[in-house]
């Protein structure tokens, strides 16, 4: 039986194989976060309108569009939410296990633009030093800024 399945699979070729794989496997939304820093090492934090009140502060975040490179998602989301221009740096987190969501985070550097908040999504923006982060910051975003906490 396995040999028959293998022969049939090989006979199907590219596009039909891809379609079957697409149907048979989970589809993921990809949440992309930018840890945006300025030339002084401060991090850009946003107070998000649509997030829970006790966790409303966080990094610029959004979902990747179909076919969009994740570094482009960071650039697009930061520009849409704040009007600022950023250059993406290294990948700092790739995490799955949230049902059908994948989380990706990149370091980024602010390279220009003028701060103009999107009032539909963002209530406030602030540049913070890592030792002066606001209350209500998403715990996972605190970890991205400070690094993982070692168990005691």
N, C-alpha and C. Protein backbone atom coordinates (compact mmCIF):
# COMPACT_ATOMS: atom_id res chain seq x y z
N UNK A 1 0.82 -1.19 0.00
CA UNK A 1 0.00 0.00 0.00
C UNK A 1 0.87 1.26 0.00
N UNK A 2 1.92 1.26 0.83
CA UNK A 2 2.82 2.42 0.88
C UNK A 2 3.47 2.68 -0.47
N UNK A 3 3.85 1.63 -1.14
CA UNK A 3 4.48 1.81 -2.46
C UNK A 3 3.50 2.42 -3.44
N UNK A 4 2.26 2.01 -3.39
CA UNK A 4 1.24 2.57 -4.27
C UNK A 4 1.04 4.06 -3.98
N UNK A 5 0.99 4.43 -2.70
CA UNK A 5 0.84 5.83 -2.31
C UNK A 5 2.05 6.62 -2.80
N UNK A 6 3.25 6.09 -2.61
CA UNK A 6 4.47 6.79 -3.05
C UNK A 6 4.49 6.97 -4.56
N UNK A 7 4.13 5.95 -5.31
CA UNK A 7 4.10 6.06 -6.78
C UNK A 7 3.06 7.08 -7.23
N UNK A 8 1.90 7.04 -6.60
CA UNK A 8 0.84 7.99 -6.95
C UNK A 8 1.28 9.41 -6.65
N UNK A 9 1.91 9.60 -5.50
CA UNK A 9 2.40 10.95 -5.12
C UNK A 9 3.40 11.47 -6.14
N UNK A 10 4.35 10.65 -6.52
CA UNK A 10 5.35 11.07 -7.51
C UNK A 10 4.71 11.38 -8.86
N UNK A 11 3.67 10.66 -9.22
CA UNK A 11 2.99 10.86 -10.50
C UNK A 11 2.19 12.17 -10.54
N UNK A 12 1.81 12.68 -9.40
CA UNK A 12 0.98 13.89 -9.36
C UNK A 12 1.73 15.15 -9.80
N UNK A 13 2.98 15.26 -9.46
CA UNK A 13 3.83 16.41 -9.79
C UNK A 13 3.40 17.68 -9.07
N UNK A 14 4.23 18.70 -9.18
CA UNK A 14 4.18 19.99 -8.48
C UNK A 14 2.86 20.59 -8.05
N UNK A 15 2.12 21.28 -8.95
CA UNK A 15 0.95 22.04 -8.50
C UNK A 15 -0.11 21.20 -7.79
N UNK A 16 -0.36 20.02 -8.26
CA UNK A 16 -1.36 19.18 -7.61
C UNK A 16 -0.87 18.69 -6.25
N UNK A 17 0.43 18.38 -6.14
CA UNK A 17 1.00 18.01 -4.84
C UNK A 17 0.84 19.16 -3.85
N UNK A 18 1.18 20.38 -4.29
CA UNK A 18 1.08 21.55 -3.42
C UNK A 18 -0.36 21.78 -2.97
N UNK A 19 -1.31 21.61 -3.87
CA UNK A 19 -2.73 21.79 -3.52
C UNK A 19 -3.15 20.77 -2.46
N UNK A 20 -2.75 19.53 -2.63
CA UNK A 20 -3.10 18.51 -1.65
C UNK A 20 -2.44 18.79 -0.29
N UNK A 21 -1.19 19.22 -0.31
CA UNK A 21 -0.52 19.58 0.94
C UNK A 21 -1.23 20.74 1.62
N UNK A 22 -1.65 21.72 0.82
CA UNK A 22 -2.34 22.90 1.37
C UNK A 22 -3.65 22.48 2.04
N UNK A 23 -4.41 21.62 1.40
CA UNK A 23 -5.68 21.16 1.94
C UNK A 23 -5.47 20.33 3.21
N UNK A 24 -4.43 19.52 3.23
CA UNK A 24 -4.23 18.56 4.32
C UNK A 24 -3.57 19.16 5.56
N UNK A 25 -2.95 20.34 5.45
CA UNK A 25 -2.18 20.87 6.57
C UNK A 25 -2.81 22.13 7.15
N UNK A 26 -2.41 22.45 8.37
CA UNK A 26 -2.92 23.62 9.07
C UNK A 26 -2.49 24.91 8.36
N UNK A 27 -3.35 25.91 8.42
CA UNK A 27 -3.04 27.24 7.90
C UNK A 27 -2.76 28.13 9.10
N UNK A 28 -1.72 28.93 9.02
CA UNK A 28 -1.32 29.78 10.13
C UNK A 28 -1.45 31.25 9.79
N UNK A 29 -1.93 32.04 10.76
CA UNK A 29 -1.78 33.48 10.69
C UNK A 29 -0.40 33.75 11.28
N UNK A 30 0.28 34.75 10.76
CA UNK A 30 1.62 35.05 11.25
C UNK A 30 1.60 36.45 11.86
N UNK A 31 1.77 36.50 13.18
CA UNK A 31 1.90 37.76 13.89
C UNK A 31 3.36 38.17 13.89
N UNK A 32 3.62 39.41 13.47
CA UNK A 32 5.00 39.90 13.34
C UNK A 32 5.16 41.12 14.23
N UNK A 33 6.24 41.12 15.02
CA UNK A 33 6.53 42.20 15.97
C UNK A 33 7.88 42.80 15.66
N UNK A 34 7.98 44.12 15.84
CA UNK A 34 9.25 44.82 15.68
C UNK A 34 9.72 45.38 17.00
N UNK A 35 10.92 45.02 17.41
CA UNK A 35 11.55 45.62 18.59
C UNK A 35 12.34 46.81 18.06
N UNK A 36 11.65 47.95 17.95
CA UNK A 36 12.22 49.13 17.29
C UNK A 36 12.98 49.96 18.31
N UNK A 37 14.24 50.21 18.01
CA UNK A 37 15.09 51.01 18.89
C UNK A 37 15.57 52.25 18.15
N UNK A 38 15.88 53.30 18.91
CA UNK A 38 16.45 54.51 18.32
C UNK A 38 17.96 54.50 18.53
N UNK A 39 18.62 55.57 18.12
CA UNK A 39 20.09 55.64 18.20
C UNK A 39 20.59 55.65 19.64
N UNK A 40 19.72 55.96 20.61
CA UNK A 40 20.10 55.97 22.02
C UNK A 40 19.78 54.65 22.73
N UNK A 41 19.26 53.66 21.99
CA UNK A 41 18.94 52.37 22.59
C UNK A 41 17.57 52.30 23.23
N UNK A 42 16.80 53.40 23.11
CA UNK A 42 15.43 53.37 23.64
C UNK A 42 14.56 52.55 22.71
N UNK A 43 13.50 51.98 23.26
CA UNK A 43 12.60 51.13 22.49
C UNK A 43 11.26 51.85 22.30
N UNK A 44 10.68 51.69 21.12
CA UNK A 44 9.38 52.29 20.80
C UNK A 44 8.27 51.42 21.35
N UNK A 45 7.44 52.00 22.23
CA UNK A 45 6.28 51.29 22.77
C UNK A 45 5.01 52.04 22.40
N UNK A 46 3.97 51.27 22.14
CA UNK A 46 2.69 51.82 21.72
C UNK A 46 1.60 51.37 22.69
N UNK A 47 0.69 52.29 22.97
CA UNK A 47 -0.50 51.93 23.76
C UNK A 47 -1.60 51.62 22.75
N UNK A 48 -1.93 50.35 22.65
CA UNK A 48 -2.85 49.85 21.62
C UNK A 48 -4.30 49.99 22.06
N UNK A 49 -5.12 50.56 21.21
CA UNK A 49 -6.54 50.78 21.49
C UNK A 49 -7.31 49.46 21.65
N UNK A 50 -6.98 48.46 20.87
CA UNK A 50 -7.78 47.24 20.81
C UNK A 50 -7.30 46.13 21.74
N UNK A 51 -6.26 46.38 22.51
CA UNK A 51 -5.73 45.38 23.43
C UNK A 51 -6.39 45.52 24.80
N UNK A 52 -6.32 44.48 25.64
CA UNK A 52 -6.90 44.57 26.99
C UNK A 52 -6.25 45.71 27.78
N UNK A 53 -7.05 46.38 28.60
CA UNK A 53 -6.56 47.55 29.34
C UNK A 53 -5.37 47.25 30.24
N UNK A 54 -5.32 46.04 30.82
CA UNK A 54 -4.22 45.72 31.73
C UNK A 54 -2.94 45.31 30.98
N UNK A 55 -3.04 45.16 29.66
CA UNK A 55 -1.88 44.81 28.83
C UNK A 55 -1.91 45.62 27.53
N UNK A 56 -2.14 46.91 27.63
CA UNK A 56 -2.34 47.72 26.43
C UNK A 56 -1.04 48.23 25.82
N UNK A 57 0.06 48.20 26.55
CA UNK A 57 1.34 48.66 26.01
C UNK A 57 2.06 47.50 25.33
N UNK A 58 2.67 47.80 24.20
CA UNK A 58 3.42 46.77 23.51
C UNK A 58 4.22 47.34 22.35
N UNK A 59 4.91 46.47 21.72
CA UNK A 59 5.72 46.81 20.56
C UNK A 59 4.83 46.91 19.32
N UNK A 60 5.32 47.56 18.26
CA UNK A 60 4.56 47.56 17.00
C UNK A 60 4.37 46.12 16.52
N UNK A 61 3.13 45.78 16.22
CA UNK A 61 2.77 44.40 15.91
C UNK A 61 1.66 44.37 14.89
N UNK A 62 1.68 43.36 14.04
CA UNK A 62 0.58 43.17 13.09
C UNK A 62 0.69 41.81 12.44
N UNK A 63 -0.23 41.52 11.55
CA UNK A 63 -0.24 40.24 10.86
C UNK A 63 0.35 40.40 9.46
N UNK A 64 1.12 39.40 9.06
CA UNK A 64 1.70 39.38 7.71
C UNK A 64 0.58 39.18 6.69
N UNK A 65 0.70 39.88 5.59
CA UNK A 65 -0.21 39.69 4.48
C UNK A 65 0.22 38.46 3.71
N UNK A 66 -0.70 37.88 2.97
CA UNK A 66 -0.39 36.69 2.18
C UNK A 66 0.79 36.99 1.25
N UNK A 67 1.84 36.18 1.33
CA UNK A 67 3.00 36.32 0.46
C UNK A 67 3.99 37.39 0.87
N UNK A 68 3.72 38.10 1.97
CA UNK A 68 4.60 39.19 2.40
C UNK A 68 5.78 38.63 3.19
N UNK A 69 6.98 39.10 2.89
CA UNK A 69 8.14 38.74 3.70
C UNK A 69 7.99 39.38 5.07
N UNK A 70 8.35 38.66 6.11
CA UNK A 70 8.11 39.13 7.47
C UNK A 70 8.85 40.43 7.79
N UNK A 71 10.03 40.62 7.25
CA UNK A 71 10.74 41.88 7.49
C UNK A 71 9.97 43.04 6.88
N UNK A 72 9.30 42.81 5.76
CA UNK A 72 8.47 43.85 5.13
C UNK A 72 7.24 44.12 6.00
N UNK A 73 6.74 43.10 6.69
CA UNK A 73 5.59 43.30 7.59
C UNK A 73 5.97 44.27 8.69
N UNK A 74 7.17 44.11 9.27
CA UNK A 74 7.62 45.02 10.32
C UNK A 74 7.66 46.45 9.78
N UNK A 75 8.27 46.64 8.64
CA UNK A 75 8.39 47.98 8.04
C UNK A 75 6.99 48.57 7.80
N UNK A 76 6.10 47.78 7.22
CA UNK A 76 4.74 48.25 6.90
C UNK A 76 3.97 48.58 8.16
N UNK A 77 3.97 47.69 9.14
CA UNK A 77 3.20 47.90 10.36
C UNK A 77 3.68 49.13 11.13
N UNK A 78 5.00 49.29 11.26
CA UNK A 78 5.51 50.46 11.98
C UNK A 78 5.09 51.73 11.25
N UNK A 79 5.21 51.74 9.93
CA UNK A 79 4.82 52.93 9.17
C UNK A 79 3.32 53.20 9.32
N UNK A 80 2.49 52.15 9.21
CA UNK A 80 1.03 52.34 9.33
C UNK A 80 0.64 52.84 10.72
N UNK A 81 1.24 52.28 11.76
CA UNK A 81 0.84 52.61 13.13
C UNK A 81 1.45 53.92 13.62
N UNK A 82 2.65 54.28 13.12
CA UNK A 82 3.36 55.42 13.71
C UNK A 82 3.86 56.46 12.71
N UNK A 83 3.93 56.15 11.43
CA UNK A 83 4.52 57.07 10.46
C UNK A 83 6.04 57.01 10.43
N UNK A 84 6.65 56.17 11.25
CA UNK A 84 8.11 56.08 11.30
C UNK A 84 8.63 55.05 10.31
N UNK A 85 9.86 55.27 9.85
CA UNK A 85 10.54 54.34 8.94
C UNK A 85 11.56 53.55 9.74
N UNK A 86 11.60 52.25 9.48
CA UNK A 86 12.55 51.39 10.20
C UNK A 86 13.30 50.51 9.21
N UNK A 87 14.45 50.05 9.67
CA UNK A 87 15.24 49.05 8.95
C UNK A 87 15.29 47.82 9.84
N UNK A 88 14.91 46.69 9.27
CA UNK A 88 14.87 45.44 10.04
C UNK A 88 16.26 44.88 10.25
N UNK A 89 16.43 44.31 11.41
CA UNK A 89 17.66 43.62 11.76
C UNK A 89 17.41 42.14 11.91
N UNK A 90 18.09 41.51 12.86
CA UNK A 90 18.00 40.06 12.98
C UNK A 90 16.67 39.57 13.58
N UNK A 91 16.34 38.35 13.24
CA UNK A 91 15.21 37.65 13.82
C UNK A 91 15.55 37.36 15.28
N UNK A 92 14.63 37.69 16.20
CA UNK A 92 14.88 37.45 17.62
C UNK A 92 13.91 36.46 18.24
N UNK A 93 12.82 36.13 17.53
CA UNK A 93 11.90 35.12 18.06
C UNK A 93 11.12 34.50 16.91
N UNK A 94 10.98 33.20 17.00
CA UNK A 94 10.11 32.44 16.11
C UNK A 94 9.44 31.40 17.00
N UNK A 95 8.13 31.53 17.19
CA UNK A 95 7.44 30.69 18.16
C UNK A 95 6.09 30.25 17.59
N UNK A 96 5.78 28.98 17.77
CA UNK A 96 4.48 28.45 17.36
C UNK A 96 3.82 27.84 18.58
N UNK A 97 2.65 27.24 18.37
CA UNK A 97 1.97 26.58 19.46
C UNK A 97 0.77 27.35 19.96
N UNK A 98 0.43 28.46 19.31
CA UNK A 98 -0.73 29.27 19.69
C UNK A 98 -1.88 28.94 18.75
N UNK A 99 -2.41 27.75 18.85
CA UNK A 99 -3.44 27.28 17.94
C UNK A 99 -2.92 27.42 16.51
N UNK A 100 -3.53 28.29 15.72
CA UNK A 100 -3.10 28.44 14.32
C UNK A 100 -2.41 29.78 14.10
N UNK A 101 -1.57 30.18 15.04
CA UNK A 101 -0.84 31.44 14.91
C UNK A 101 0.65 31.19 15.15
N UNK A 102 1.44 31.81 14.35
CA UNK A 102 2.89 31.78 14.46
C UNK A 102 3.34 33.17 14.85
N UNK A 103 4.26 33.30 15.80
CA UNK A 103 4.76 34.60 16.24
C UNK A 103 6.21 34.77 15.80
N UNK A 104 6.48 35.89 15.16
CA UNK A 104 7.81 36.21 14.64
C UNK A 104 8.17 37.60 15.14
N UNK A 105 9.41 37.80 15.59
CA UNK A 105 9.85 39.12 16.04
C UNK A 105 11.24 39.42 15.50
N UNK A 106 11.44 40.67 15.12
CA UNK A 106 12.72 41.15 14.60
C UNK A 106 13.16 42.37 15.37
N UNK A 107 14.45 42.51 15.55
CA UNK A 107 15.02 43.78 15.98
C UNK A 107 14.88 44.73 14.81
N UNK A 108 14.72 46.01 15.09
CA UNK A 108 14.62 47.02 14.03
C UNK A 108 15.17 48.33 14.56
N UNK A 109 15.61 49.18 13.64
CA UNK A 109 16.17 50.48 13.99
C UNK A 109 15.35 51.55 13.30
N UNK A 110 14.98 52.58 14.05
CA UNK A 110 14.27 53.71 13.47
C UNK A 110 15.25 54.52 12.63
N UNK A 111 14.90 54.77 11.37
CA UNK A 111 15.80 55.49 10.46
C UNK A 111 15.20 56.79 9.95
N UNK A 112 14.00 57.15 10.40
CA UNK A 112 13.40 58.41 9.95
C UNK A 112 11.90 58.40 10.08
N UNK A 113 11.30 59.37 9.39
CA UNK A 113 9.86 59.53 9.42
C UNK A 113 9.44 60.52 10.49
N UNK A 114 8.16 60.82 10.50
CA UNK A 114 7.58 61.75 11.47
C UNK A 114 6.49 61.00 12.23
N UNK A 115 6.52 61.09 13.55
CA UNK A 115 5.57 60.36 14.36
C UNK A 115 4.16 60.88 14.11
N UNK A 116 3.32 60.02 13.54
CA UNK A 116 1.90 60.28 13.28
C UNK A 116 1.16 58.99 13.63
N UNK A 117 0.45 59.00 14.73
CA UNK A 117 -0.22 57.78 15.19
C UNK A 117 -1.49 57.51 14.41
N UNK A 118 -1.76 56.24 14.17
CA UNK A 118 -3.02 55.81 13.59
C UNK A 118 -4.03 55.75 14.73
N UNK A 119 -4.96 56.72 14.81
CA UNK A 119 -5.86 56.79 15.96
C UNK A 119 -6.85 55.63 16.06
N UNK A 120 -7.03 54.88 14.99
CA UNK A 120 -7.91 53.71 15.05
C UNK A 120 -7.27 52.57 15.84
N UNK A 121 -5.94 52.53 15.87
CA UNK A 121 -5.24 51.42 16.53
C UNK A 121 -4.41 51.86 17.73
N UNK A 122 -3.82 53.05 17.66
CA UNK A 122 -2.81 53.46 18.64
C UNK A 122 -3.26 54.71 19.38
N UNK A 123 -3.22 54.64 20.71
CA UNK A 123 -3.60 55.78 21.55
C UNK A 123 -2.42 56.67 21.90
N UNK A 124 -1.24 56.07 22.03
CA UNK A 124 -0.08 56.81 22.50
C UNK A 124 1.19 56.07 22.10
N UNK A 125 2.27 56.81 21.88
CA UNK A 125 3.58 56.22 21.59
C UNK A 125 4.59 56.84 22.54
N UNK A 126 5.60 56.04 22.88
CA UNK A 126 6.61 56.52 23.81
C UNK A 126 7.93 55.79 23.53
N UNK A 127 9.03 56.53 23.61
CA UNK A 127 10.36 55.93 23.56
C UNK A 127 10.79 55.68 25.00
N UNK A 128 11.10 54.45 25.34
CA UNK A 128 11.44 54.08 26.72
C UNK A 128 12.81 53.42 26.79
N UNK A 129 13.51 53.71 27.86
CA UNK A 129 14.73 52.95 28.13
C UNK A 129 14.32 51.61 28.70
N UNK A 130 15.12 50.58 28.52
CA UNK A 130 14.76 49.26 29.04
C UNK A 130 14.53 49.22 30.55
N UNK A 131 15.09 50.17 31.28
CA UNK A 131 14.89 50.17 32.74
C UNK A 131 13.70 51.02 33.17
N UNK A 132 12.94 51.56 32.22
CA UNK A 132 11.77 52.40 32.55
C UNK A 132 10.57 52.02 31.69
N UNK A 133 10.26 50.74 31.66
CA UNK A 133 9.14 50.25 30.85
C UNK A 133 7.83 50.48 31.60
N UNK A 134 6.75 50.82 30.88
CA UNK A 134 5.49 51.13 31.55
C UNK A 134 4.79 49.90 32.11
N UNK A 135 3.95 50.12 33.12
CA UNK A 135 3.06 49.07 33.61
C UNK A 135 2.10 48.75 32.47
N UNK A 136 1.62 47.55 32.44
CA UNK A 136 0.68 47.17 31.38
C UNK A 136 1.36 46.76 30.10
N UNK A 137 2.66 46.49 30.15
CA UNK A 137 3.40 46.03 28.98
C UNK A 137 3.18 44.53 28.81
N UNK A 138 2.89 44.10 27.61
CA UNK A 138 2.73 42.68 27.32
C UNK A 138 3.94 41.92 27.86
N UNK A 139 3.76 40.88 28.66
CA UNK A 139 4.90 40.13 29.21
C UNK A 139 5.84 39.58 28.13
N UNK A 140 5.29 39.09 27.04
CA UNK A 140 6.16 38.57 25.98
C UNK A 140 6.97 39.68 25.33
N UNK A 141 6.43 40.90 25.30
CA UNK A 141 7.16 42.02 24.73
C UNK A 141 8.26 42.49 25.69
N UNK A 142 7.97 42.44 26.99
CA UNK A 142 9.00 42.76 27.99
C UNK A 142 10.19 41.81 27.81
N UNK A 143 9.90 40.53 27.60
CA UNK A 143 10.96 39.55 27.40
C UNK A 143 11.75 39.85 26.12
N UNK A 144 11.07 40.28 25.06
CA UNK A 144 11.79 40.63 23.82
C UNK A 144 12.74 41.81 24.05
N UNK A 145 12.32 42.76 24.87
CA UNK A 145 13.12 43.95 25.13
C UNK A 145 14.30 43.63 26.05
N UNK A 146 14.03 42.89 27.11
CA UNK A 146 15.04 42.64 28.14
C UNK A 146 15.79 41.33 27.98
N UNK A 147 15.23 40.41 27.21
CA UNK A 147 15.80 39.07 27.10
C UNK A 147 15.10 38.14 28.06
N UNK A 148 15.23 36.84 27.89
CA UNK A 148 14.52 35.89 28.76
C UNK A 148 15.02 35.97 30.19
N UNK A 149 14.09 35.76 31.11
CA UNK A 149 14.42 35.76 32.54
C UNK A 149 14.87 34.37 32.91
N UNK A 150 16.01 34.28 33.59
CA UNK A 150 16.52 32.98 34.04
C UNK A 150 15.73 32.50 35.24
N UNK A 151 15.42 31.20 35.29
CA UNK A 151 14.72 30.69 36.48
C UNK A 151 15.62 30.80 37.70
N UNK A 152 15.01 31.12 38.84
CA UNK A 152 15.79 31.31 40.08
C UNK A 152 16.17 30.01 40.71
